[in-house]
Amino acid sequence: MSNVMNQAQVESAVDTSDVPRVGARELALALKILSAGNGLLLPNVTLSDEDLRRVEQDFWMISPRARVRKVAVLLRFRSFLAACQTRHVNELIARHGQAALVIALEAAAKMRLNAKWGFNPHKMARAMSEALAAAAETLVPEGQTAAA
């Protein structure tokens, strides 16, 4: 009986050295809760622990996902917020607005995450820059400039 119990605990635990990937929409839901339903707004101020607890409590009640998935989303969300406060990521979001924020959410959903160290902000900024450049290329046909 004890062996079965330990196996269930191991299967339901989140590996904090490699947090499972989640959907960008799940992170966007947490961000919408933080933004009080005003779209995907990223506050430029440091958030209080009370703000984060409110988001976590609301997300926990709203999300239909399993407990392990919810924990993974919330761990990624906290690390996403920390990465967005770094200079490179913050500048990309300030320069490109909503498009960069969506790309940052997509990157945060897929990137490797160690919960102790968080996201590597340089890797996140590089992934965002590459995605923004690729999006710009699809908007401008090859051989033409944006001014043409």
C-alpha atoms as a PDB file:
ATOM      1  CA  MET A   1       0.000   0.000   0.000  1.00  0.00           C
ATOM      2  CA  SER A   2       2.807   2.400   0.893  1.00  0.00           C
ATOM      3  CA  ASN A   3       4.570   1.696  -2.405  1.00  0.00           C
ATOM      4  CA  VAL A   4       1.405   2.544  -4.367  1.00  0.00           C
ATOM      5  CA  MET A   5       1.024   5.763  -2.357  1.00  0.00           C
ATOM      6  CA  ASN A   6       4.633   6.807  -3.039  1.00  0.00           C
ATOM      7  CA  GLN A   7       4.222   6.076  -6.765  1.00  0.00           C
ATOM      8  CA  ALA A   8       1.105   8.289  -6.898  1.00  0.00           C
ATOM      9  CA  GLN A   9       2.942  11.093  -5.105  1.00  0.00           C
ATOM     10  CA  VAL A  10       5.859  10.877  -7.551  1.00  0.00           C
ATOM     11  CA  GLU A  11       3.493  10.969 -10.554  1.00  0.00           C
ATOM     12  CA  SER A  12       1.616  13.979  -9.202  1.00  0.00           C
ATOM     13  CA  ALA A  13       4.705  16.020  -8.282  1.00  0.00           C
ATOM     14  CA  VAL A  14       6.081  18.760 -10.483  1.00  0.00           C
ATOM     15  CA  ASP A  15       9.774  18.531 -11.300  1.00  0.00           C
ATOM     16  CA  THR A  16      10.932  22.043 -10.423  1.00  0.00           C
ATOM     17  CA  SER A  17      14.224  21.503 -12.261  1.00  0.00           C
ATOM     18  CA  ASP A  18      12.281  21.150 -15.531  1.00  0.00           C
ATOM     19  CA  VAL A  19       8.740  22.516 -15.213  1.00  0.00           C
ATOM     20  CA  PRO A  20       6.383  20.907 -17.774  1.00  0.00           C
ATOM     21  CA  ARG A  21       5.348  22.921 -20.814  1.00  0.00           C
ATOM     22  CA  VAL A  22       1.915  24.495 -20.800  1.00  0.00           C
ATOM     23  CA  GLY A  23      -0.337  26.278 -23.258  1.00  0.00           C
ATOM     24  CA  ALA A  24       0.215  29.952 -23.997  1.00  0.00           C
ATOM     25  CA  ARG A  25      -3.536  30.428 -23.493  1.00  0.00           C
ATOM     26  CA  GLU A  26      -3.219  29.231 -19.916  1.00  0.00           C
ATOM     27  CA  LEU A  27      -0.547  31.845 -19.230  1.00  0.00           C
ATOM     28  CA  ALA A  28      -2.703  34.439 -21.009  1.00  0.00           C
ATOM     29  CA  LEU A  29      -5.588  33.548 -18.692  1.00  0.00           C
ATOM     30  CA  ALA A  30      -3.393  34.204 -15.648  1.00  0.00           C
ATOM     31  CA  LEU A  31      -2.281  37.502 -17.204  1.00  0.00           C
ATOM     32  CA  LYS A  32      -5.912  38.486 -17.875  1.00  0.00           C
ATOM     33  CA  ILE A  33      -6.752  37.760 -14.242  1.00  0.00           C
ATOM     34  CA  LEU A  34      -3.831  39.950 -13.201  1.00  0.00           C
ATOM     35  CA  SER A  35      -5.008  42.674 -15.600  1.00  0.00           C
ATOM     36  CA  ALA A  36      -8.530  42.465 -14.125  1.00  0.00           C
ATOM     37  CA  GLY A  37     -10.011  41.517 -17.502  1.00  0.00           C
ATOM     38  CA  ASN A  38      -8.571  44.533 -19.361  1.00  0.00           C
ATOM     39  CA  GLY A  39      -6.866  42.458 -22.057  1.00  0.00           C
ATOM     40  CA  LEU A  40      -3.263  41.357 -21.917  1.00  0.00           C
ATOM     41  CA  LEU A  41      -1.739  44.183 -19.929  1.00  0.00           C
ATOM     42  CA  LEU A  42       1.631  43.832 -18.296  1.00  0.00           C
ATOM     43  CA  PRO A  43       2.083  46.176 -15.379  1.00  0.00           C
ATOM     44  CA  ASN A  44       5.334  48.092 -15.339  1.00  0.00           C
ATOM     45  CA  VAL A  45       5.335  48.111 -11.556  1.00  0.00           C
ATOM     46  CA  THR A  46       6.560  45.438  -9.209  1.00  0.00           C
ATOM     47  CA  LEU A  47       3.687  43.268  -8.094  1.00  0.00           C
ATOM     48  CA  SER A  48       2.957  42.585  -4.466  1.00  0.00           C
ATOM     49  CA  ASP A  49       2.680  39.091  -3.058  1.00  0.00           C
ATOM     50  CA  GLU A  50      -1.002  39.849  -2.482  1.00  0.00           C
ATOM     51  CA  ASP A  51      -1.507  40.530  -6.226  1.00  0.00           C
ATOM     52  CA  LEU A  52       0.164  37.250  -7.117  1.00  0.00           C
ATOM     53  CA  ARG A  53      -1.835  35.321  -4.517  1.00  0.00           C
ATOM     54  CA  ARG A  54      -5.069  36.782  -5.937  1.00  0.00           C
ATOM     55  CA  VAL A  55      -4.114  35.659  -9.439  1.00  0.00           C
ATOM     56  CA  GLU A  56      -3.163  32.208  -8.206  1.00  0.00           C
ATOM     57  CA  GLN A  57      -6.384  31.775  -6.221  1.00  0.00           C
ATOM     58  CA  ASP A  58      -8.568  32.957  -9.101  1.00  0.00           C
ATOM     59  CA  PHE A  59      -6.677  30.839 -11.628  1.00  0.00           C
ATOM     60  CA  TRP A  60      -6.970  27.801  -9.367  1.00  0.00           C
ATOM     61  CA  MET A  61     -10.757  28.201  -9.217  1.00  0.00           C
ATOM     62  CA  ILE A  62     -11.252  29.010 -12.925  1.00  0.00           C
ATOM     63  CA  SER A  63      -8.948  26.501 -14.596  1.00  0.00           C
ATOM     64  CA  PRO A  64     -10.415  23.035 -15.184  1.00  0.00           C
ATOM     65  CA  ARG A  65      -6.943  21.470 -15.480  1.00  0.00           C
ATOM     66  CA  ALA A  66      -5.389  18.896 -13.163  1.00  0.00           C
ATOM     67  CA  ARG A  67      -3.505  20.064 -10.089  1.00  0.00           C
ATOM     68  CA  VAL A  68      -0.049  19.366 -11.558  1.00  0.00           C
ATOM     69  CA  ARG A  69      -0.908  21.351 -14.700  1.00  0.00           C
ATOM     70  CA  LYS A  70      -2.149  24.301 -12.634  1.00  0.00           C
ATOM     71  CA  VAL A  71       1.057  24.294 -10.593  1.00  0.00           C
ATOM     72  CA  ALA A  72       3.130  24.247 -13.791  1.00  0.00           C
ATOM     73  CA  VAL A  73       1.168  27.189 -15.224  1.00  0.00           C
ATOM     74  CA  LEU A  74       1.553  29.237 -12.051  1.00  0.00           C
ATOM     75  CA  LEU A  75       5.286  28.484 -11.756  1.00  0.00           C
ATOM     76  CA  ARG A  76       5.756  29.524 -15.380  1.00  0.00           C
ATOM     77  CA  PHE A  77       3.612  32.618 -14.845  1.00  0.00           C
ATOM     78  CA  ARG A  78       5.725  33.850 -11.926  1.00  0.00           C
ATOM     79  CA  SER A  79       8.909  33.277 -13.923  1.00  0.00           C
ATOM     80  CA  PHE A  80       7.330  34.984 -16.955  1.00  0.00           C
ATOM     81  CA  LEU A  81       6.590  38.084 -14.865  1.00  0.00           C
ATOM     82  CA  ALA A  82      10.170  38.131 -13.570  1.00  0.00           C
ATOM     83  CA  ALA A  83      11.566  37.806 -17.112  1.00  0.00           C
ATOM     84  CA  CYS A  84       9.338  40.670 -18.293  1.00  0.00           C
ATOM     85  CA  GLN A  85      10.979  42.944 -15.732  1.00  0.00           C
ATOM     86  CA  THR A  86      14.410  42.426 -17.311  1.00  0.00           C
ATOM     87  CA  ARG A  87      15.732  45.146 -19.593  1.00  0.00           C
ATOM     88  CA  HIS A  88      15.821  43.190 -22.882  1.00  0.00           C
ATOM     89  CA  VAL A  89      12.372  41.628 -22.605  1.00  0.00           C
ATOM     90  CA  ASN A  90      10.835  44.815 -21.220  1.00  0.00           C
ATOM     91  CA  GLU A  91      12.258  46.872 -24.120  1.00  0.00           C
ATOM     92  CA  LEU A  92      10.871  44.435 -26.713  1.00  0.00           C
ATOM     93  CA  ILE A  93       7.423  44.607 -25.156  1.00  0.00           C
ATOM     94  CA  ALA A  94       7.591  48.407 -24.940  1.00  0.00           C
ATOM     95  CA  ARG A  95       8.711  48.694 -28.581  1.00  0.00           C
ATOM     96  CA  HIS A  96       6.367  46.109 -30.148  1.00  0.00           C
ATOM     97  CA  GLY A  97       3.420  46.186 -27.741  1.00  0.00           C
ATOM     98  CA  GLN A  98       0.741  43.511 -27.757  1.00  0.00           C
ATOM     99  CA  ALA A  99       2.455  41.416 -30.458  1.00  0.00           C
ATOM    100  CA  ALA A 100       5.611  41.092 -28.355  1.00  0.00           C
ATOM    101  CA  LEU A 101       3.580  40.279 -25.263  1.00  0.00           C
ATOM    102  CA  VAL A 102       1.801  37.432 -27.061  1.00  0.00           C
ATOM    103  CA  ILE A 103       5.134  36.133 -28.361  1.00  0.00           C
ATOM    104  CA  ALA A 104       6.591  36.352 -24.839  1.00  0.00           C
ATOM    105  CA  LEU A 105       3.675  34.274 -23.531  1.00  0.00           C
ATOM    106  CA  GLU A 106       4.259  31.684 -26.256  1.00  0.00           C
ATOM    107  CA  ALA A 107       7.962  31.539 -25.415  1.00  0.00           C
ATOM    108  CA  ALA A 108       7.252  31.222 -21.694  1.00  0.00           C
ATOM    109  CA  ALA A 109       4.862  28.360 -22.367  1.00  0.00           C
ATOM    110  CA  LYS A 110       7.479  26.361 -24.313  1.00  0.00           C
ATOM    111  CA  MET A 111      10.920  27.334 -22.994  1.00  0.00           C
ATOM    112  CA  ARG A 112      12.796  25.164 -20.543  1.00  0.00           C
ATOM    113  CA  LEU A 113      12.172  26.405 -17.012  1.00  0.00           C
ATOM    114  CA  ASN A 114      14.024  25.669 -13.820  1.00  0.00           C
ATOM    115  CA  ALA A 115      11.767  27.060 -11.080  1.00  0.00           C
ATOM    116  CA  LYS A 116      14.735  27.969  -8.894  1.00  0.00           C
ATOM    117  CA  TRP A 117      16.502  30.061 -11.534  1.00  0.00           C
ATOM    118  CA  GLY A 118      13.584  31.155 -13.726  1.00  0.00           C
ATOM    119  CA  PHE A 119      13.754  31.805 -17.450  1.00  0.00           C
ATOM    120  CA  ASN A 120      16.969  32.901 -19.058  1.00  0.00           C
ATOM    121  CA  PRO A 121      15.961  36.450 -20.079  1.00  0.00           C
ATOM    122  CA  HIS A 122      18.531  36.549 -22.903  1.00  0.00           C
ATOM    123  CA  LYS A 123      17.115  33.370 -24.447  1.00  0.00           C
ATOM    124  CA  MET A 124      13.580  34.703 -24.061  1.00  0.00           C
ATOM    125  CA  ALA A 125      14.522  38.039 -25.667  1.00  0.00           C
ATOM    126  CA  ARG A 126      16.276  36.218 -28.527  1.00  0.00           C
ATOM    127  CA  ALA A 127      13.249  33.960 -29.099  1.00  0.00           C
ATOM    128  CA  MET A 128      10.996  37.023 -29.078  1.00  0.00           C
ATOM    129  CA  SER A 129      13.246  38.940 -31.502  1.00  0.00           C
ATOM    130  CA  GLU A 130      13.364  35.998 -33.905  1.00  0.00           C
ATOM    131  CA  ALA A 131       9.570  35.541 -33.791  1.00  0.00           C
ATOM    132  CA  LEU A 132       8.978  39.262 -34.298  1.00  0.00           C
ATOM    133  CA  ALA A 133      11.387  39.297 -37.263  1.00  0.00           C
ATOM    134  CA  ALA A 134       9.682  36.248 -38.786  1.00  0.00           C
ATOM    135  CA  ALA A 135       6.280  37.891 -38.345  1.00  0.00           C
ATOM    136  CA  ALA A 136       7.564  41.072 -40.012  1.00  0.00           C
ATOM    137  CA  GLU A 137       8.908  39.049 -42.962  1.00  0.00           C
ATOM    138  CA  THR A 138       5.512  37.466 -43.570  1.00  0.00           C
ATOM    139  CA  LEU A 139       3.893  40.904 -43.641  1.00  0.00           C
ATOM    140  CA  VAL A 140       6.316  42.311 -46.231  1.00  0.00           C
ATOM    141  CA  PRO A 141       6.672  40.295 -49.462  1.00  0.00           C
ATOM    142  CA  GLU A 142      10.203  39.214 -50.321  1.00  0.00           C
ATOM    143  CA  GLY A 143      12.155  41.755 -52.348  1.00  0.00           C
ATOM    144  CA  GLN A 144      10.035  44.706 -51.173  1.00  0.00           C
ATOM    145  CA  THR A 145      10.620  47.138 -48.355  1.00  0.00           C
ATOM    146  CA  ALA A 146       8.039  48.172 -45.815  1.00  0.00           C
ATOM    147  CA  ALA A 147       7.955  51.676 -47.331  1.00  0.00           C
ATOM    148  CA  ALA A 148       7.155  50.419 -50.856  1.00  0.00           C
END
